[in-house]
Amino acid sequence: MLRVREDVIVLHAMRWPDEIREPSELLPPPVELTEDEIEGALALMESNEP
């Protein structure tokens, strides 16, 4: 399994069946965004382009 810890990627060896989980358990909870929030985020990303 790969995990991000600060600014590095760490590899963990999985040895036992109980260490393995469904990938869906690792997903962040869903959020609802308004169109204004999405447009604001896109505008912010575009303003930071080189």
PDB file of N, CA and C in Angstrom:
ATOM      1  N   MET A   1       0.851  -1.158   0.000  1.00  0.00           N
ATOM      2  CA  MET A   1       0.000   0.000   0.000  1.00  0.00           C
ATOM      3  C   MET A   1       0.899   1.224   0.000  1.00  0.00           C
ATOM      4  N   LEU A   2       0.523   2.218  -0.769  1.00  0.00           N
ATOM      5  CA  LEU A   2       1.247   3.485  -0.803  1.00  0.00           C
ATOM      6  C   LEU A   2       0.475   4.521  -0.010  1.00  0.00           C
ATOM      7  N   ARG A   3       1.194   5.312   0.788  1.00  0.00           N
ATOM      8  CA  ARG A   3       0.595   6.410   1.553  1.00  0.00           C
ATOM      9  C   ARG A   3       1.458   7.643   1.396  1.00  0.00           C
ATOM     10  N   VAL A   4       0.828   8.791   1.434  1.00  0.00           N
ATOM     11  CA  VAL A   4       1.562  10.051   1.406  1.00  0.00           C
ATOM     12  C   VAL A   4       1.726  10.524   2.833  1.00  0.00           C
ATOM     13  N   ARG A   5       2.973  10.769   3.220  1.00  0.00           N
ATOM     14  CA  ARG A   5       3.319  11.287   4.548  1.00  0.00           C
ATOM     15  C   ARG A   5       4.138  12.541   4.335  1.00  0.00           C
ATOM     16  N   GLU A   6       3.545  13.688   4.656  1.00  0.00           N
ATOM     17  CA  GLU A   6       4.177  14.988   4.405  1.00  0.00           C
ATOM     18  C   GLU A   6       4.543  15.078   2.933  1.00  0.00           C
ATOM     19  N   ASP A   7       5.834  15.148   2.587  1.00  0.00           N
ATOM     20  CA  ASP A   7       6.178  15.294   1.175  1.00  0.00           C
ATOM     21  C   ASP A   7       6.861  14.055   0.592  1.00  0.00           C
ATOM     22  N   VAL A   8       6.590  12.891   1.162  1.00  0.00           N
ATOM     23  CA  VAL A   8       7.142  11.637   0.640  1.00  0.00           C
ATOM     24  C   VAL A   8       6.039  10.599   0.477  1.00  0.00           C
ATOM     25  N   ILE A   9       6.292   9.616  -0.378  1.00  0.00           N
ATOM     26  CA  ILE A   9       5.384   8.485  -0.555  1.00  0.00           C
ATOM     27  C   ILE A   9       6.012   7.295   0.164  1.00  0.00           C
ATOM     28  N   VAL A  10       5.236   6.666   1.047  1.00  0.00           N
ATOM     29  CA  VAL A  10       5.725   5.560   1.862  1.00  0.00           C
ATOM     30  C   VAL A  10       5.063   4.271   1.404  1.00  0.00           C
ATOM     31  N   LEU A  11       5.865   3.216   1.251  1.00  0.00           N
ATOM     32  CA  LEU A  11       5.354   1.900   0.881  1.00  0.00           C
ATOM     33  C   LEU A  11       5.228   1.051   2.135  1.00  0.00           C
ATOM     34  N   HIS A  12       4.019   0.517   2.374  1.00  0.00           N
ATOM     35  CA  HIS A  12       3.778  -0.395   3.492  1.00  0.00           C
ATOM     36  C   HIS A  12       3.547  -1.792   2.939  1.00  0.00           C
ATOM     37  N   ALA A  13       4.239  -2.770   3.481  1.00  0.00           N
ATOM     38  CA  ALA A  13       4.026  -4.159   3.069  1.00  0.00           C
ATOM     39  C   ALA A  13       2.788  -4.703   3.781  1.00  0.00           C
ATOM     40  N   MET A  14       1.913  -5.339   3.026  1.00  0.00           N
ATOM     41  CA  MET A  14       0.706  -5.941   3.586  1.00  0.00           C
ATOM     42  C   MET A  14       0.953  -7.440   3.717  1.00  0.00           C
ATOM     43  N   ARG A  15       0.850  -7.941   4.949  1.00  0.00           N
ATOM     44  CA  ARG A  15       1.196  -9.340   5.182  1.00  0.00           C
ATOM     45  C   ARG A  15       0.007 -10.218   5.578  1.00  0.00           C
ATOM     46  N   TRP A  16      -1.021  -9.627   6.118  1.00  0.00           N
ATOM     47  CA  TRP A  16      -2.133 -10.416   6.646  1.00  0.00           C
ATOM     48  C   TRP A  16      -3.436  -9.983   5.979  1.00  0.00           C
ATOM     49  N   PRO A  17      -4.358 -10.920   5.755  1.00  0.00           N
ATOM     50  CA  PRO A  17      -5.619 -10.580   5.097  1.00  0.00           C
ATOM     51  C   PRO A  17      -6.406  -9.478   5.825  1.00  0.00           C
ATOM     52  N   ASP A  18      -6.310  -9.406   7.148  1.00  0.00           N
ATOM     53  CA  ASP A  18      -7.084  -8.382   7.856  1.00  0.00           C
ATOM     54  C   ASP A  18      -6.487  -6.983   7.685  1.00  0.00           C
ATOM     55  N   GLU A  19      -5.308  -6.858   7.076  1.00  0.00           N
ATOM     56  CA  GLU A  19      -4.715  -5.554   6.802  1.00  0.00           C
ATOM     57  C   GLU A  19      -5.244  -4.962   5.497  1.00  0.00           C
ATOM     58  N   ILE A  20      -5.870  -5.777   4.697  1.00  0.00           N
ATOM     59  CA  ILE A  20      -6.349  -5.338   3.392  1.00  0.00           C
ATOM     60  C   ILE A  20      -7.809  -4.894   3.515  1.00  0.00           C
ATOM     61  N   ARG A  21      -8.074  -3.669   3.048  1.00  0.00           N
ATOM     62  CA  ARG A  21      -9.431  -3.128   3.111  1.00  0.00           C
ATOM     63  C   ARG A  21      -9.931  -2.802   1.715  1.00  0.00           C
ATOM     64  N   GLU A  22     -11.212  -2.664   1.609  1.00  0.00           N
ATOM     65  CA  GLU A  22     -11.822  -2.262   0.349  1.00  0.00           C
ATOM     66  C   GLU A  22     -11.394  -0.833   0.031  1.00  0.00           C
ATOM     67  N   PRO A  23     -11.026  -0.544  -1.213  1.00  0.00           N
ATOM     68  CA  PRO A  23     -10.636   0.824  -1.568  1.00  0.00           C
ATOM     69  C   PRO A  23     -11.729   1.856  -1.282  1.00  0.00           C
ATOM     70  N   SER A  24     -12.997   1.443  -1.357  1.00  0.00           N
ATOM     71  CA  SER A  24     -14.092   2.381  -1.109  1.00  0.00           C
ATOM     72  C   SER A  24     -14.076   2.908   0.325  1.00  0.00           C
ATOM     73  N   GLU A  25     -13.479   2.156   1.254  1.00  0.00           N
ATOM     74  CA  GLU A  25     -13.382   2.614   2.639  1.00  0.00           C
ATOM     75  C   GLU A  25     -12.419   3.788   2.780  1.00  0.00           C
ATOM     76  N   LEU A  26     -11.533   3.959   1.817  1.00  0.00           N
ATOM     77  CA  LEU A  26     -10.513   4.988   1.901  1.00  0.00           C
ATOM     78  C   LEU A  26     -10.919   6.301   1.236  1.00  0.00           C
ATOM     79  N   LEU A  27     -12.054   6.302   0.561  1.00  0.00           N
ATOM     80  CA  LEU A  27     -12.502   7.510  -0.114  1.00  0.00           C
ATOM     81  C   LEU A  27     -12.941   8.573   0.895  1.00  0.00           C
ATOM     82  N   PRO A  28     -12.681   9.844   0.596  1.00  0.00           N
ATOM     83  CA  PRO A  28     -13.184  10.895   1.479  1.00  0.00           C
ATOM     84  C   PRO A  28     -14.707  10.966   1.377  1.00  0.00           C
ATOM     85  N   PRO A  29     -15.356  11.497   2.398  1.00  0.00           N
ATOM     86  CA  PRO A  29     -16.812  11.587   2.327  1.00  0.00           C
ATOM     87  C   PRO A  29     -17.246  12.541   1.206  1.00  0.00           C
ATOM     88  N   PRO A  30     -18.377  12.267   0.586  1.00  0.00           N
ATOM     89  CA  PRO A  30     -18.841  13.143  -0.498  1.00  0.00           C
ATOM     90  C   PRO A  30     -19.237  14.520   0.039  1.00  0.00           C
ATOM     91  N   VAL A  31     -19.057  15.519  -0.786  1.00  0.00           N
ATOM     92  CA  VAL A  31     -19.451  16.884  -0.432  1.00  0.00           C
ATOM     93  C   VAL A  31     -20.308  17.448  -1.553  1.00  0.00           C
ATOM     94  N   GLU A  32     -21.109  18.419  -1.209  1.00  0.00           N
ATOM     95  CA  GLU A  32     -21.927  19.082  -2.218  1.00  0.00           C
ATOM     96  C   GLU A  32     -21.386  20.490  -2.422  1.00  0.00           C
ATOM     97  N   LEU A  33     -21.211  20.863  -3.684  1.00  0.00           N
ATOM     98  CA  LEU A  33     -20.700  22.176  -4.029  1.00  0.00           C
ATOM     99  C   LEU A  33     -21.729  22.922  -4.857  1.00  0.00           C
ATOM    100  N   THR A  34     -21.767  24.225  -4.656  1.00  0.00           N
ATOM    101  CA  THR A  34     -22.643  25.041  -5.490  1.00  0.00           C
ATOM    102  C   THR A  34     -21.898  25.397  -6.775  1.00  0.00           C
ATOM    103  N   GLU A  35     -22.633  25.835  -7.773  1.00  0.00           N
ATOM    104  CA  GLU A  35     -22.011  26.265  -9.028  1.00  0.00           C
ATOM    105  C   GLU A  35     -21.062  27.432  -8.778  1.00  0.00           C
ATOM    106  N   ASP A  36     -21.417  28.336  -7.860  1.00  0.00           N
ATOM    107  CA  ASP A  36     -20.543  29.473  -7.542  1.00  0.00           C
ATOM    108  C   ASP A  36     -19.213  29.003  -6.958  1.00  0.00           C
ATOM    109  N   GLU A  37     -19.237  27.992  -6.097  1.00  0.00           N
ATOM    110  CA  GLU A  37     -18.002  27.462  -5.511  1.00  0.00           C
ATOM    111  C   GLU A  37     -17.116  26.835  -6.588  1.00  0.00           C
ATOM    112  N   ILE A  38     -17.731  26.099  -7.500  1.00  0.00           N
ATOM    113  CA  ILE A  38     -16.973  25.470  -8.583  1.00  0.00           C
ATOM    114  C   ILE A  38     -16.369  26.535  -9.492  1.00  0.00           C
ATOM    115  N   GLU A  39     -17.160  27.535  -9.861  1.00  0.00           N
ATOM    116  CA  GLU A  39     -16.656  28.600 -10.719  1.00  0.00           C
ATOM    117  C   GLU A  39     -15.540  29.374 -10.031  1.00  0.00           C
ATOM    118  N   GLY A  40     -15.674  29.624  -8.736  1.00  0.00           N
ATOM    119  CA  GLY A  40     -14.627  30.322  -7.992  1.00  0.00           C
ATOM    120  C   GLY A  40     -13.332  29.525  -7.957  1.00  0.00           C
ATOM    121  N   ALA A  41     -13.435  28.207  -7.755  1.00  0.00           N
ATOM    122  CA  ALA A  41     -12.255  27.358  -7.735  1.00  0.00           C
ATOM    123  C   ALA A  41     -11.580  27.333  -9.100  1.00  0.00           C
ATOM    124  N   LEU A  42     -12.363  27.237 -10.166  1.00  0.00           N
ATOM    125  CA  LEU A  42     -11.789  27.242 -11.513  1.00  0.00           C
ATOM    126  C   LEU A  42     -11.110  28.570 -11.819  1.00  0.00           C
ATOM    127  N   ALA A  43     -11.735  29.675 -11.411  1.00  0.00           N
ATOM    128  CA  ALA A  43     -11.134  30.992 -11.634  1.00  0.00           C
ATOM    129  C   ALA A  43      -9.821  31.120 -10.869  1.00  0.00           C
ATOM    130  N   LEU A  44      -9.770  30.605  -9.654  1.00  0.00           N
ATOM    131  CA  LEU A  44      -8.549  30.651  -8.857  1.00  0.00           C
ATOM    132  C   LEU A  44      -7.437  29.840  -9.515  1.00  0.00           C
ATOM    133  N   MET A  45      -7.769  28.659 -10.026  1.00  0.00           N
ATOM    134  CA  MET A  45      -6.759  27.832 -10.694  1.00  0.00           C
ATOM    135  C   MET A  45      -6.235  28.523 -11.959  1.00  0.00           C
ATOM    136  N   GLU A  46      -7.146  29.146 -12.714  1.00  0.00           N
ATOM    137  CA  GLU A  46      -6.730  29.836 -13.936  1.00  0.00           C
ATOM    138  C   GLU A  46      -5.868  31.044 -13.631  1.00  0.00           C
ATOM    139  N   SER A  47      -6.095  31.717 -12.523  1.00  0.00           N
ATOM    140  CA  SER A  47      -5.308  32.912 -12.183  1.00  0.00           C
ATOM    141  C   SER A  47      -3.899  32.557 -11.745  1.00  0.00           C
ATOM    142  N   ASN A  48      -3.645  31.300 -11.378  1.00  0.00           N
ATOM    143  CA  ASN A  48      -2.325  30.876 -10.939  1.00  0.00           C
ATOM    144  C   ASN A  48      -1.532  30.169 -12.028  1.00  0.00           C
ATOM    145  N   GLU A  49      -2.022  30.150 -13.248  1.00  0.00           N
ATOM    146  CA  GLU A  49      -1.300  29.488 -14.332  1.00  0.00           C
ATOM    147  C   GLU A  49      -0.076  30.322 -14.702  1.00  0.00           C
ATOM    148  N   PRO A  50       1.028  29.651 -15.046  1.00  0.00           N
ATOM    149  CA  PRO A  50       2.245  30.395 -15.434  1.00  0.00           C
ATOM    150  C   PRO A  50       2.123  31.066 -16.772  1.00  0.00           C
TER     151      PRO A  50
END
